[in-house]
Amino acid sequence: MTDWVTISSLATAGTTVILAAATLKSVRSASRAAAAAERAVLVGLRPVLLNSRLTDRDEKIFWADDHWAVVSGGRGYAEIVDGVIYFAISVRNAGAGLAVLQGWAVSDERRGPEDQHTAPQDYRRMIRDLFIPAHDIGYWHAALRDADDPQYAAMEAAIKERRVFTVEILYSDHEGGQSSICRFVLRPRDKDGNLADWITGVGRHWNLDRPDPRAVWSV
C-alpha cells in the first residue's frame, strides 16, 4: 500500500533542500557582486604615491618657522639651517583618489627591497594635513628640530656626508582608509653647487589594510 503521507513528507523535504541550495547560491552570488562593487568604489578612492617627473612643475614649500624652499620635479630637498634639518620631496599621485599624508619616517641609510617598513605606530605624525590631488603633484615636507632627537645626529651626518638616505611616507585616501606606505630613496645630486638638491626614486609600496600581493612569491 502506498504511504502517501511519507511520500508527501519526503517531497516537501526535497523541495526545501532544493530551495535552500538555491538560496545559498543566490546569497553567495550577491556577496560576490557586493564585494566587486566595493572594490570598484575603493579603486576610485585609492591614491598611489610616486616620485614626480623631472618635467613636473616646481613646488614652493614653506615650513612653520617661515623657512622656505623650491623643489623641482623628481627632486627632494635636505638641508641643515640654524640647527634644523629640513626635508621635502616632490611627489605625484598616480591613483584615482585624493591622497592624505598621515606620517613619516626617515633612515640615514638606503633601505633595500628586503628591508621591512617602519612599524606604523612609530611614524611621526604630520603637523598639518597635506593633500595630493589625483593625477597631480604635490609635496611632502618635515623637519628635525631637536638635536637630542634619536635620529638627529645620524641624519645630520648623512646629509653632510652626501650619503643616500630613505624616507617613508604613510598616507591614506580622504576617508582615512586604504592606508599605504611608500618608500622614497634620496640620492645627492651634486650638481650646480646646490647641496640641498637630491634626486628621488620610489623603492617599495605596502598596503596596510589588504593582503600583501608579494606574499604569493615567498611561498
N, C-alpha and C. Protein backbone atom coordinates (compact mmCIF):
# COMPACT_ATOMS: atom_id res chain seq x y z
N MET A 1 0.86 -1.19 0.00
CA MET A 1 0.00 0.00 0.00
C MET A 1 0.90 1.25 0.00
N THR A 2 0.54 2.19 -0.83
CA THR A 2 1.33 3.43 -0.94
C THR A 2 1.13 4.30 0.29
N ASP A 3 2.26 4.70 0.90
CA ASP A 3 2.19 5.58 2.08
C ASP A 3 2.30 7.02 1.61
N TRP A 4 1.13 7.62 1.28
CA TRP A 4 1.13 8.97 0.71
C TRP A 4 1.64 10.02 1.70
N VAL A 5 1.48 9.77 2.97
CA VAL A 5 1.97 10.73 3.97
C VAL A 5 3.49 10.80 3.94
N THR A 6 4.11 9.60 3.87
CA THR A 6 5.58 9.56 3.82
C THR A 6 6.10 10.19 2.54
N ILE A 7 5.44 9.84 1.40
CA ILE A 7 5.86 10.42 0.12
C ILE A 7 5.75 11.94 0.14
N SER A 8 4.65 12.43 0.71
CA SER A 8 4.44 13.88 0.79
C SER A 8 5.51 14.55 1.63
N SER A 9 5.89 13.90 2.74
CA SER A 9 6.91 14.46 3.63
C SER A 9 8.27 14.51 2.94
N LEU A 10 8.58 13.40 2.22
CA LEU A 10 9.85 13.35 1.50
C LEU A 10 9.92 14.40 0.40
N ALA A 11 8.79 14.56 -0.30
CA ALA A 11 8.74 15.56 -1.38
C ALA A 11 8.93 16.96 -0.82
N THR A 12 8.28 17.21 0.31
CA THR A 12 8.42 18.53 0.95
C THR A 12 9.86 18.77 1.39
N ALA A 13 10.48 17.71 1.98
CA ALA A 13 11.86 17.84 2.42
C ALA A 13 12.80 18.08 1.24
N GLY A 14 12.56 17.36 0.14
CA GLY A 14 13.39 17.55 -1.04
C GLY A 14 13.28 18.95 -1.60
N THR A 15 12.05 19.45 -1.65
CA THR A 15 11.83 20.82 -2.15
C THR A 15 12.54 21.84 -1.26
N THR A 16 12.48 21.60 0.06
CA THR A 16 13.14 22.50 1.00
C THR A 16 14.65 22.53 0.78
N VAL A 17 15.24 21.33 0.55
CA VAL A 17 16.68 21.25 0.29
C VAL A 17 17.05 21.99 -0.98
N ILE A 18 16.23 21.82 -2.03
CA ILE A 18 16.49 22.49 -3.30
C ILE A 18 16.42 24.00 -3.13
N LEU A 19 15.39 24.47 -2.41
CA LEU A 19 15.23 25.91 -2.18
C LEU A 19 16.39 26.46 -1.34
N ALA A 20 16.83 25.69 -0.35
CA ALA A 20 17.95 26.12 0.49
C ALA A 20 19.22 26.25 -0.34
N ALA A 21 19.47 25.27 -1.23
CA ALA A 21 20.66 25.32 -2.09
C ALA A 21 20.59 26.51 -3.03
N ALA A 22 19.39 26.76 -3.59
CA ALA A 22 19.23 27.90 -4.49
C ALA A 22 19.43 29.22 -3.75
N THR A 23 18.94 29.29 -2.51
CA THR A 23 19.10 30.50 -1.70
C THR A 23 20.57 30.74 -1.37
N LEU A 24 21.27 29.65 -0.99
CA LEU A 24 22.69 29.77 -0.67
C LEU A 24 23.48 30.25 -1.88
N LYS A 25 23.18 29.70 -3.05
CA LYS A 25 23.87 30.12 -4.27
C LYS A 25 23.58 31.57 -4.57
N SER A 26 22.32 31.98 -4.36
CA SER A 26 21.95 33.37 -4.61
C SER A 26 22.67 34.32 -3.66
N VAL A 27 22.75 33.90 -2.37
CA VAL A 27 23.44 34.73 -1.38
C VAL A 27 24.92 34.87 -1.72
N ARG A 28 25.55 33.75 -2.12
CA ARG A 28 26.97 33.80 -2.49
C ARG A 28 27.19 34.69 -3.69
N SER A 29 26.30 34.58 -4.67
CA SER A 29 26.41 35.41 -5.87
C SER A 29 26.25 36.89 -5.52
N ALA A 30 25.28 37.17 -4.62
CA ALA A 30 25.06 38.56 -4.20
C ALA A 30 26.27 39.08 -3.42
N SER A 31 26.88 38.20 -2.60
CA SER A 31 28.06 38.61 -1.83
C SER A 31 29.22 38.93 -2.76
N ARG A 32 29.41 38.10 -3.80
CA ARG A 32 30.48 38.36 -4.76
C ARG A 32 30.23 39.66 -5.51
N ALA A 33 28.99 39.90 -5.87
CA ALA A 33 28.66 41.14 -6.58
C ALA A 33 28.89 42.35 -5.69
N ALA A 34 28.51 42.22 -4.39
CA ALA A 34 28.72 43.33 -3.46
C ALA A 34 30.21 43.59 -3.25
N ALA A 35 31.00 42.50 -3.14
CA ALA A 35 32.45 42.65 -2.96
C ALA A 35 33.09 43.31 -4.18
N ALA A 36 32.63 42.90 -5.37
CA ALA A 36 33.15 43.50 -6.60
C ALA A 36 32.80 44.98 -6.67
N ALA A 37 31.57 45.32 -6.27
CA ALA A 37 31.14 46.72 -6.28
C ALA A 37 31.96 47.54 -5.28
N GLU A 38 32.21 46.94 -4.10
CA GLU A 38 33.01 47.64 -3.09
C GLU A 38 34.43 47.88 -3.59
N ARG A 39 35.03 46.89 -4.24
CA ARG A 39 36.38 47.05 -4.76
C ARG A 39 36.42 48.13 -5.83
N ALA A 40 35.36 48.18 -6.66
CA ALA A 40 35.30 49.21 -7.71
C ALA A 40 35.24 50.60 -7.08
N VAL A 41 34.48 50.74 -5.99
CA VAL A 41 34.40 52.02 -5.30
C VAL A 41 35.76 52.39 -4.70
N LEU A 42 36.42 51.40 -4.07
CA LEU A 42 37.71 51.66 -3.44
C LEU A 42 38.78 52.04 -4.46
N VAL A 43 38.72 51.40 -5.64
CA VAL A 43 39.67 51.75 -6.69
C VAL A 43 39.50 53.22 -7.07
N GLY A 44 38.28 53.70 -7.06
CA GLY A 44 38.02 55.10 -7.38
C GLY A 44 38.50 56.06 -6.31
N LEU A 45 38.74 55.54 -5.09
CA LEU A 45 39.22 56.36 -3.99
C LEU A 45 40.71 56.18 -3.73
N ARG A 46 41.33 55.17 -4.36
CA ARG A 46 42.69 54.77 -3.98
C ARG A 46 43.75 55.72 -4.52
N PRO A 47 44.57 56.30 -3.64
CA PRO A 47 45.72 57.09 -4.10
C PRO A 47 46.95 56.19 -4.22
N VAL A 48 47.87 56.56 -5.08
CA VAL A 48 49.13 55.82 -5.23
C VAL A 48 50.25 56.86 -5.40
N LEU A 49 51.10 56.97 -4.39
CA LEU A 49 52.16 57.98 -4.44
C LEU A 49 53.41 57.47 -5.14
N LEU A 50 53.99 58.34 -5.96
CA LEU A 50 55.25 58.07 -6.65
C LEU A 50 56.09 59.34 -6.58
N ASN A 51 57.34 59.24 -6.98
CA ASN A 51 58.12 60.45 -7.17
C ASN A 51 57.60 61.17 -8.40
N SER A 52 57.64 62.49 -8.38
CA SER A 52 57.16 63.24 -9.54
C SER A 52 58.17 63.13 -10.68
N ARG A 53 57.77 63.57 -11.87
CA ARG A 53 58.66 63.52 -13.04
C ARG A 53 59.60 64.72 -13.04
N LEU A 54 60.73 64.55 -13.71
CA LEU A 54 61.69 65.65 -13.81
C LEU A 54 61.11 66.84 -14.54
N THR A 55 60.09 66.60 -15.37
CA THR A 55 59.48 67.68 -16.13
C THR A 55 58.31 68.34 -15.40
N ASP A 56 57.97 67.85 -14.22
CA ASP A 56 56.86 68.44 -13.47
C ASP A 56 57.24 69.81 -12.93
N ARG A 57 56.23 70.59 -12.60
CA ARG A 57 56.44 71.98 -12.15
C ARG A 57 57.16 72.02 -10.78
N ASP A 58 57.75 73.16 -10.50
CA ASP A 58 58.37 73.39 -9.20
C ASP A 58 57.30 73.52 -8.12
N GLU A 59 57.67 73.14 -6.91
CA GLU A 59 56.80 73.33 -5.76
C GLU A 59 57.49 74.27 -4.78
N LYS A 60 56.80 75.34 -4.40
CA LYS A 60 57.33 76.26 -3.40
C LYS A 60 56.80 75.83 -2.04
N ILE A 61 57.72 75.53 -1.11
CA ILE A 61 57.35 74.88 0.15
C ILE A 61 57.73 75.77 1.33
N PHE A 62 56.78 75.92 2.26
CA PHE A 62 57.00 76.69 3.48
C PHE A 62 56.89 75.79 4.70
N TRP A 63 57.77 76.01 5.66
CA TRP A 63 57.69 75.33 6.94
C TRP A 63 57.08 76.29 7.97
N ALA A 64 56.73 75.75 9.13
CA ALA A 64 56.03 76.54 10.15
C ALA A 64 56.88 77.69 10.70
N ASP A 65 58.22 77.58 10.59
CA ASP A 65 59.11 78.62 11.11
C ASP A 65 59.51 79.63 10.04
N ASP A 66 58.75 79.65 8.93
CA ASP A 66 58.97 80.59 7.81
C ASP A 66 60.17 80.24 6.95
N HIS A 67 60.78 79.09 7.17
CA HIS A 67 61.79 78.61 6.21
C HIS A 67 61.05 78.19 4.94
N TRP A 68 61.68 78.41 3.80
CA TRP A 68 61.04 78.00 2.56
C TRP A 68 62.08 77.52 1.57
N ALA A 69 61.60 76.74 0.57
CA ALA A 69 62.48 76.21 -0.47
C ALA A 69 61.65 75.94 -1.72
N VAL A 70 62.32 75.87 -2.84
CA VAL A 70 61.69 75.49 -4.10
C VAL A 70 62.23 74.13 -4.50
N VAL A 71 61.32 73.18 -4.70
CA VAL A 71 61.71 71.81 -5.05
C VAL A 71 61.20 71.50 -6.45
N SER A 72 62.10 71.13 -7.34
CA SER A 72 61.74 70.83 -8.73
C SER A 72 61.18 69.42 -8.85
N GLY A 73 60.57 69.14 -10.01
CA GLY A 73 60.03 67.82 -10.27
C GLY A 73 61.09 66.74 -10.19
N GLY A 74 60.74 65.60 -9.59
CA GLY A 74 61.67 64.50 -9.47
C GLY A 74 62.77 64.70 -8.46
N ARG A 75 62.65 65.75 -7.65
CA ARG A 75 63.70 66.11 -6.71
C ARG A 75 63.23 66.00 -5.26
N GLY A 76 64.22 65.91 -4.39
CA GLY A 76 64.00 66.03 -2.96
C GLY A 76 64.84 67.17 -2.43
N TYR A 77 64.63 67.49 -1.16
CA TYR A 77 65.33 68.60 -0.53
C TYR A 77 65.77 68.16 0.85
N ALA A 78 67.01 68.41 1.19
CA ALA A 78 67.52 68.13 2.53
C ALA A 78 68.60 69.15 2.84
N GLU A 79 68.41 69.90 3.92
CA GLU A 79 69.36 70.96 4.24
C GLU A 79 69.32 71.21 5.75
N ILE A 80 70.46 71.59 6.28
CA ILE A 80 70.57 71.93 7.70
C ILE A 80 70.76 73.44 7.80
N VAL A 81 69.83 74.10 8.44
CA VAL A 81 69.88 75.56 8.57
C VAL A 81 69.63 75.93 10.03
N ASP A 82 70.60 76.61 10.62
CA ASP A 82 70.47 77.06 12.02
C ASP A 82 70.10 75.92 12.96
N GLY A 83 70.71 74.77 12.72
CA GLY A 83 70.48 73.63 13.60
C GLY A 83 69.21 72.84 13.34
N VAL A 84 68.45 73.21 12.32
CA VAL A 84 67.22 72.49 11.96
C VAL A 84 67.47 71.72 10.67
N ILE A 85 67.07 70.44 10.65
CA ILE A 85 67.19 69.63 9.44
C ILE A 85 65.85 69.65 8.72
N TYR A 86 65.86 70.19 7.50
CA TYR A 86 64.64 70.29 6.70
C TYR A 86 64.65 69.23 5.60
N PHE A 87 63.47 68.62 5.40
CA PHE A 87 63.30 67.62 4.34
C PHE A 87 62.08 68.00 3.49
N ALA A 88 62.13 67.65 2.21
CA ALA A 88 60.96 67.79 1.34
C ALA A 88 61.13 66.87 0.13
N ILE A 89 60.01 66.44 -0.43
CA ILE A 89 60.02 65.62 -1.65
C ILE A 89 58.86 66.06 -2.53
N SER A 90 59.14 66.24 -3.81
CA SER A 90 58.08 66.47 -4.79
C SER A 90 57.47 65.12 -5.15
N VAL A 91 56.16 64.97 -4.95
CA VAL A 91 55.51 63.67 -5.16
C VAL A 91 54.38 63.78 -6.17
N ARG A 92 54.08 62.68 -6.81
CA ARG A 92 52.97 62.59 -7.76
C ARG A 92 52.00 61.52 -7.28
N ASN A 93 50.70 61.83 -7.36
CA ASN A 93 49.66 60.86 -7.05
C ASN A 93 49.18 60.24 -8.36
N ALA A 94 49.60 59.00 -8.61
CA ALA A 94 49.22 58.32 -9.85
C ALA A 94 47.87 57.60 -9.72
N GLY A 95 47.27 57.63 -8.53
CA GLY A 95 46.00 56.96 -8.31
C GLY A 95 44.80 57.81 -8.66
N ALA A 96 43.61 57.21 -8.48
CA ALA A 96 42.36 57.89 -8.84
C ALA A 96 41.75 58.66 -7.69
N GLY A 97 42.29 58.50 -6.48
CA GLY A 97 41.71 59.16 -5.31
C GLY A 97 42.65 60.16 -4.67
N LEU A 98 42.09 61.06 -3.89
CA LEU A 98 42.87 62.07 -3.17
C LEU A 98 43.74 61.40 -2.12
N ALA A 99 45.02 61.77 -2.05
CA ALA A 99 45.94 61.22 -1.05
C ALA A 99 46.06 62.19 0.11
N VAL A 100 45.96 61.66 1.33
CA VAL A 100 46.16 62.45 2.54
C VAL A 100 47.39 61.92 3.25
N LEU A 101 48.42 62.74 3.39
CA LEU A 101 49.66 62.32 4.05
C LEU A 101 49.44 62.31 5.56
N GLN A 102 49.77 61.17 6.18
CA GLN A 102 49.47 60.99 7.60
C GLN A 102 50.71 60.99 8.49
N GLY A 103 51.82 60.44 8.01
CA GLY A 103 53.00 60.35 8.86
C GLY A 103 54.25 60.05 8.05
N TRP A 104 55.39 60.04 8.73
CA TRP A 104 56.65 59.84 8.02
C TRP A 104 57.70 59.22 8.93
N ALA A 105 58.70 58.63 8.29
CA ALA A 105 59.85 58.05 8.99
C ALA A 105 61.07 58.22 8.12
N VAL A 106 62.23 58.41 8.72
CA VAL A 106 63.48 58.56 7.97
C VAL A 106 64.51 57.56 8.46
N SER A 107 65.43 57.23 7.58
CA SER A 107 66.56 56.37 7.92
C SER A 107 67.81 56.96 7.29
N ASP A 108 68.93 56.92 7.99
CA ASP A 108 70.15 57.55 7.48
C ASP A 108 70.89 56.68 6.48
N GLU A 109 70.28 55.60 6.04
CA GLU A 109 70.90 54.72 5.05
C GLU A 109 69.88 54.32 3.99
N ARG A 110 70.38 53.75 2.92
CA ARG A 110 69.49 53.24 1.89
C ARG A 110 68.91 51.90 2.34
N ARG A 111 67.59 51.83 2.44
CA ARG A 111 66.93 50.59 2.84
C ARG A 111 66.51 49.85 1.57
N GLY A 112 66.88 48.56 1.51
CA GLY A 112 66.66 47.77 0.32
C GLY A 112 65.30 47.11 0.27
N PRO A 113 65.03 46.38 -0.83
CA PRO A 113 63.73 45.75 -1.03
C PRO A 113 63.40 44.68 0.01
N GLU A 114 64.42 44.11 0.64
CA GLU A 114 64.17 43.08 1.65
C GLU A 114 63.96 43.66 3.04
N ASP A 115 64.20 44.97 3.19
CA ASP A 115 64.03 45.61 4.49
C ASP A 115 62.56 45.96 4.71
N GLN A 116 62.02 45.51 5.84
CA GLN A 116 60.62 45.79 6.15
C GLN A 116 60.45 47.28 6.47
N HIS A 117 59.24 47.77 6.25
CA HIS A 117 58.96 49.17 6.54
C HIS A 117 58.92 49.41 8.06
N THR A 118 59.03 50.66 8.44
CA THR A 118 58.90 51.04 9.84
C THR A 118 57.50 50.69 10.35
N ALA A 119 57.40 50.25 11.60
CA ALA A 119 56.10 49.92 12.17
C ALA A 119 55.20 51.16 12.15
N PRO A 120 53.95 51.03 11.71
CA PRO A 120 53.06 52.21 11.59
C PRO A 120 52.98 53.05 12.86
N GLN A 121 53.01 52.41 14.03
CA GLN A 121 52.90 53.17 15.27
C GLN A 121 54.13 54.02 15.56
N ASP A 122 55.23 53.76 14.82
CA ASP A 122 56.46 54.52 15.03
C ASP A 122 56.61 55.68 14.06
N TYR A 123 55.64 55.88 13.19
CA TYR A 123 55.73 57.01 12.26
C TYR A 123 55.48 58.33 13.00
N ARG A 124 56.16 59.35 12.56
CA ARG A 124 55.95 60.68 13.11
C ARG A 124 54.71 61.29 12.45
N ARG A 125 53.84 61.84 13.24
CA ARG A 125 52.60 62.41 12.72
C ARG A 125 52.88 63.72 11.99
N MET A 126 52.18 63.92 10.87
CA MET A 126 52.30 65.19 10.15
C MET A 126 51.76 66.32 11.02
N ILE A 127 52.44 67.46 11.02
CA ILE A 127 51.99 68.60 11.81
C ILE A 127 50.73 69.21 11.20
N ARG A 128 50.64 69.19 9.89
CA ARG A 128 49.43 69.68 9.23
C ARG A 128 49.08 68.74 8.08
N ASP A 129 47.81 68.74 7.72
CA ASP A 129 47.35 67.85 6.65
C ASP A 129 47.91 68.31 5.31
N LEU A 130 48.42 67.36 4.56
CA LEU A 130 48.86 67.64 3.19
C LEU A 130 48.07 66.73 2.26
N PHE A 131 47.47 67.32 1.24
CA PHE A 131 46.64 66.59 0.29
C PHE A 131 47.30 66.61 -1.08
N ILE A 132 47.33 65.46 -1.74
CA ILE A 132 47.86 65.36 -3.10
C ILE A 132 46.69 64.96 -4.01
N PRO A 133 46.26 65.84 -4.91
CA PRO A 133 45.12 65.51 -5.78
C PRO A 133 45.41 64.32 -6.68
N ALA A 134 44.37 63.65 -7.12
CA ALA A 134 44.51 62.52 -8.04
C ALA A 134 45.13 62.99 -9.35
N HIS A 135 46.08 62.23 -9.87
CA HIS A 135 46.73 62.51 -11.15
C HIS A 135 47.37 63.90 -11.18
N ASP A 136 47.91 64.30 -10.04
CA ASP A 136 48.54 65.62 -9.95
C ASP A 136 49.74 65.50 -9.03
N ILE A 137 50.46 66.60 -8.85
CA ILE A 137 51.63 66.58 -7.99
C ILE A 137 51.40 67.45 -6.76
N GLY A 138 52.24 67.22 -5.78
CA GLY A 138 52.23 67.99 -4.55
C GLY A 138 53.56 67.76 -3.86
N TYR A 139 53.58 67.85 -2.54
CA TYR A 139 54.85 67.66 -1.85
C TYR A 139 54.62 67.13 -0.44
N TRP A 140 55.67 66.51 0.08
CA TRP A 140 55.78 66.15 1.49
C TRP A 140 56.91 66.97 2.06
N HIS A 141 56.75 67.46 3.30
CA HIS A 141 57.86 68.13 3.96
C HIS A 141 57.79 67.89 5.47
N ALA A 142 58.97 67.97 6.11
CA ALA A 142 59.07 67.73 7.54
C ALA A 142 60.39 68.34 8.02
N ALA A 143 60.63 68.23 9.32
CA ALA A 143 61.87 68.77 9.88
C ALA A 143 62.20 68.07 11.18
N LEU A 144 63.51 67.99 11.47
CA LEU A 144 64.01 67.56 12.77
C LEU A 144 64.61 68.80 13.44
N ARG A 145 64.02 69.22 14.55
CA ARG A 145 64.42 70.48 15.17
C ARG A 145 65.20 70.30 16.48
N ASP A 146 65.08 69.15 17.08
CA ASP A 146 65.69 68.91 18.38
C ASP A 146 66.98 68.10 18.22
N ALA A 147 68.11 68.68 18.62
CA ALA A 147 69.39 67.98 18.49
C ALA A 147 69.45 66.72 19.35
N ASP A 148 68.57 66.62 20.33
CA ASP A 148 68.51 65.43 21.18
C ASP A 148 67.61 64.35 20.60
N ASP A 149 66.99 64.62 19.47
CA ASP A 149 66.16 63.61 18.81
C ASP A 149 67.04 62.40 18.47
N PRO A 150 66.57 61.17 18.73
CA PRO A 150 67.39 59.97 18.47
C PRO A 150 67.91 59.86 17.04
N GLN A 151 67.22 60.48 16.09
CA GLN A 151 67.64 60.36 14.69
C GLN A 151 68.41 61.59 14.19
N TYR A 152 68.49 62.61 15.01
CA TYR A 152 69.08 63.86 14.54
C TYR A 152 70.54 63.69 14.11
N ALA A 153 71.38 63.14 14.96
CA ALA A 153 72.81 63.04 14.66
C ALA A 153 73.07 62.19 13.42
N ALA A 154 72.33 61.08 13.28
CA ALA A 154 72.53 60.19 12.12
C ALA A 154 72.12 60.90 10.83
N MET A 155 70.99 61.61 10.85
CA MET A 155 70.54 62.29 9.64
C MET A 155 71.43 63.49 9.32
N GLU A 156 71.91 64.16 10.33
CA GLU A 156 72.84 65.27 10.11
C GLU A 156 74.10 64.77 9.41
N ALA A 157 74.63 63.64 9.86
CA ALA A 157 75.83 63.07 9.24
C ALA A 157 75.56 62.64 7.80
N ALA A 158 74.41 62.00 7.56
CA ALA A 158 74.08 61.53 6.21
C ALA A 158 74.01 62.68 5.22
N ILE A 159 73.43 63.80 5.66
CA ILE A 159 73.29 64.96 4.77
C ILE A 159 74.64 65.63 4.54
N LYS A 160 75.40 65.81 5.59
CA LYS A 160 76.70 66.47 5.44
C LYS A 160 77.68 65.63 4.62
N GLU A 161 77.57 64.31 4.75
CA GLU A 161 78.46 63.40 4.02
C GLU A 161 77.93 63.04 2.64
N ARG A 162 76.77 63.59 2.30
CA ARG A 162 76.17 63.37 0.98
C ARG A 162 75.94 61.88 0.72
N ARG A 163 75.31 61.21 1.68
CA ARG A 163 75.01 59.78 1.56
C ARG A 163 73.54 59.56 1.21
N VAL A 164 73.28 58.48 0.52
CA VAL A 164 71.90 58.11 0.19
C VAL A 164 71.14 57.82 1.49
N PHE A 165 69.90 58.32 1.59
CA PHE A 165 69.08 58.01 2.75
C PHE A 165 67.64 57.72 2.31
N THR A 166 66.82 57.30 3.26
CA THR A 166 65.47 56.80 2.95
C THR A 166 64.41 57.59 3.71
N VAL A 167 63.31 57.84 3.03
CA VAL A 167 62.12 58.44 3.65
C VAL A 167 60.93 57.54 3.35
N GLU A 168 60.13 57.25 4.36
CA GLU A 168 58.89 56.51 4.18
C GLU A 168 57.72 57.42 4.54
N ILE A 169 56.70 57.41 3.68
CA ILE A 169 55.52 58.25 3.89
C ILE A 169 54.30 57.35 4.07
N LEU A 170 53.58 57.57 5.15
CA LEU A 170 52.33 56.86 5.42
C LEU A 170 51.18 57.75 4.95
N TYR A 171 50.30 57.20 4.11
CA TYR A 171 49.20 58.01 3.59
C TYR A 171 47.94 57.16 3.45
N SER A 172 46.83 57.84 3.20
CA SER A 172 45.54 57.15 3.08
C SER A 172 44.68 57.87 2.05
N ASP A 173 43.48 57.32 1.78
CA ASP A 173 42.53 58.07 0.97
C ASP A 173 41.88 59.14 1.85
N HIS A 174 41.00 59.96 1.27
CA HIS A 174 40.48 61.10 2.02
C HIS A 174 39.51 60.71 3.13
N GLU A 175 39.08 59.44 3.16
CA GLU A 175 38.22 58.96 4.22
C GLU A 175 39.01 58.28 5.33
N GLY A 176 40.34 58.25 5.19
CA GLY A 176 41.18 57.63 6.20
C GLY A 176 41.38 56.14 6.01
N GLY A 177 40.87 55.60 4.91
CA GLY A 177 41.02 54.18 4.63
C GLY A 177 42.15 53.92 3.64
N GLN A 178 42.33 52.65 3.29
CA GLN A 178 43.33 52.22 2.31
C GLN A 178 44.72 52.75 2.66
N SER A 179 45.08 52.61 3.93
CA SER A 179 46.39 53.10 4.38
C SER A 179 47.52 52.39 3.64
N SER A 180 48.50 53.16 3.22
CA SER A 180 49.62 52.63 2.46
C SER A 180 50.91 53.32 2.89
N ILE A 181 52.02 52.68 2.56
CA ILE A 181 53.34 53.25 2.82
C ILE A 181 54.12 53.26 1.52
N CYS A 182 54.76 54.38 1.25
CA CYS A 182 55.63 54.50 0.08
C CYS A 182 57.03 54.83 0.56
N ARG A 183 58.01 54.08 0.08
CA ARG A 183 59.41 54.31 0.47
C ARG A 183 60.14 55.06 -0.64
N PHE A 184 60.69 56.21 -0.29
CA PHE A 184 61.48 57.01 -1.22
C PHE A 184 62.96 56.90 -0.86
N VAL A 185 63.79 56.86 -1.87
CA VAL A 185 65.24 56.89 -1.68
C VAL A 185 65.75 58.21 -2.25
N LEU A 186 66.54 58.93 -1.48
CA LEU A 186 67.08 60.22 -1.91
C LEU A 186 68.59 60.10 -2.11
N ARG A 187 69.02 60.50 -3.32
CA ARG A 187 70.44 60.44 -3.68
C ARG A 187 70.95 61.86 -3.91
N PRO A 188 72.15 62.18 -3.45
CA PRO A 188 72.69 63.53 -3.66
C PRO A 188 72.90 63.80 -5.14
N ARG A 189 72.51 64.98 -5.56
CA ARG A 189 72.63 65.31 -6.99
C ARG A 189 74.03 65.81 -7.33
N ASP A 190 74.62 66.58 -6.42
CA ASP A 190 76.00 67.05 -6.61
C ASP A 190 76.20 67.73 -7.97
N LYS A 191 75.35 68.68 -8.24
CA LYS A 191 75.46 69.42 -9.50
C LYS A 191 75.05 70.86 -9.27
N ASP A 192 75.69 71.76 -9.97
CA ASP A 192 75.39 73.19 -9.91
C ASP A 192 75.62 73.79 -8.52
N GLY A 193 76.33 73.07 -7.65
CA GLY A 193 76.66 73.63 -6.35
C GLY A 193 75.52 73.70 -5.36
N ASN A 194 74.36 73.15 -5.70
CA ASN A 194 73.20 73.19 -4.80
C ASN A 194 73.19 71.92 -3.94
N LEU A 195 73.74 72.00 -2.74
CA LEU A 195 73.87 70.83 -1.89
C LEU A 195 72.54 70.39 -1.28
N ALA A 196 71.50 71.21 -1.40
CA ALA A 196 70.20 70.84 -0.85
C ALA A 196 69.36 70.05 -1.86
N ASP A 197 69.89 69.87 -3.07
CA ASP A 197 69.15 69.24 -4.15
C ASP A 197 69.46 67.74 -4.20
N TRP A 198 68.41 66.90 -4.15
CA TRP A 198 68.57 65.45 -4.16
C TRP A 198 67.63 64.85 -5.20
N ILE A 199 68.06 63.76 -5.83
CA ILE A 199 67.22 63.02 -6.77
C ILE A 199 66.43 61.97 -6.00
N THR A 200 65.16 61.82 -6.33
CA THR A 200 64.31 60.88 -5.59
C THR A 200 63.86 59.72 -6.48
N GLY A 201 63.60 58.61 -5.85
CA GLY A 201 63.03 57.45 -6.53
C GLY A 201 62.23 56.64 -5.53
N VAL A 202 61.26 55.88 -6.02
CA VAL A 202 60.42 55.05 -5.15
C VAL A 202 60.96 53.63 -5.14
N GLY A 203 61.12 53.07 -3.94
CA GLY A 203 61.65 51.73 -3.83
C GLY A 203 60.61 50.66 -3.56
N ARG A 204 59.61 50.96 -2.73
CA ARG A 204 58.63 49.96 -2.32
C ARG A 204 57.30 50.63 -1.95
N HIS A 205 56.22 49.85 -2.12
CA HIS A 205 54.90 50.23 -1.61
C HIS A 205 54.37 49.09 -0.73
N TRP A 206 53.62 49.46 0.30
CA TRP A 206 52.94 48.46 1.14
C TRP A 206 51.49 48.88 1.37
N ASN A 207 50.58 47.91 1.30
CA ASN A 207 49.19 48.13 1.69
C ASN A 207 49.03 47.64 3.12
N LEU A 208 48.48 48.47 3.99
CA LEU A 208 48.35 48.09 5.39
C LEU A 208 47.01 47.45 5.72
N ASP A 209 46.02 47.61 4.87
CA ASP A 209 44.70 47.06 5.18
C ASP A 209 44.24 46.01 4.16
N ARG A 210 45.20 45.50 3.37
CA ARG A 210 44.90 44.43 2.42
C ARG A 210 46.06 43.44 2.42
N PRO A 211 45.83 42.22 1.97
CA PRO A 211 46.92 41.24 1.92
C PRO A 211 48.07 41.74 1.05
N ASP A 212 49.27 41.39 1.42
CA ASP A 212 50.46 41.77 0.65
C ASP A 212 50.48 40.97 -0.65
N PRO A 213 50.43 41.62 -1.82
CA PRO A 213 50.44 40.87 -3.08
C PRO A 213 51.73 40.11 -3.33
N ARG A 214 52.80 40.46 -2.58
CA ARG A 214 54.07 39.76 -2.77
C ARG A 214 54.12 38.45 -1.99
N ALA A 215 53.13 38.23 -1.09
CA ALA A 215 53.18 37.04 -0.24
C ALA A 215 53.21 35.76 -1.05
N VAL A 216 52.55 35.75 -2.21
CA VAL A 216 52.48 34.53 -3.04
C VAL A 216 53.87 34.14 -3.54
N TRP A 217 54.77 35.13 -3.67
CA TRP A 217 56.11 34.84 -4.20
C TRP A 217 57.04 34.31 -3.12
N SER A 218 56.64 34.44 -1.87
CA SER A 218 57.51 33.98 -0.79
C SER A 218 57.21 32.57 -0.35
N VAL A 219 56.20 31.95 -0.97
CA VAL A 219 55.81 30.57 -0.61
C VAL A 219 56.82 29.58 -1.19
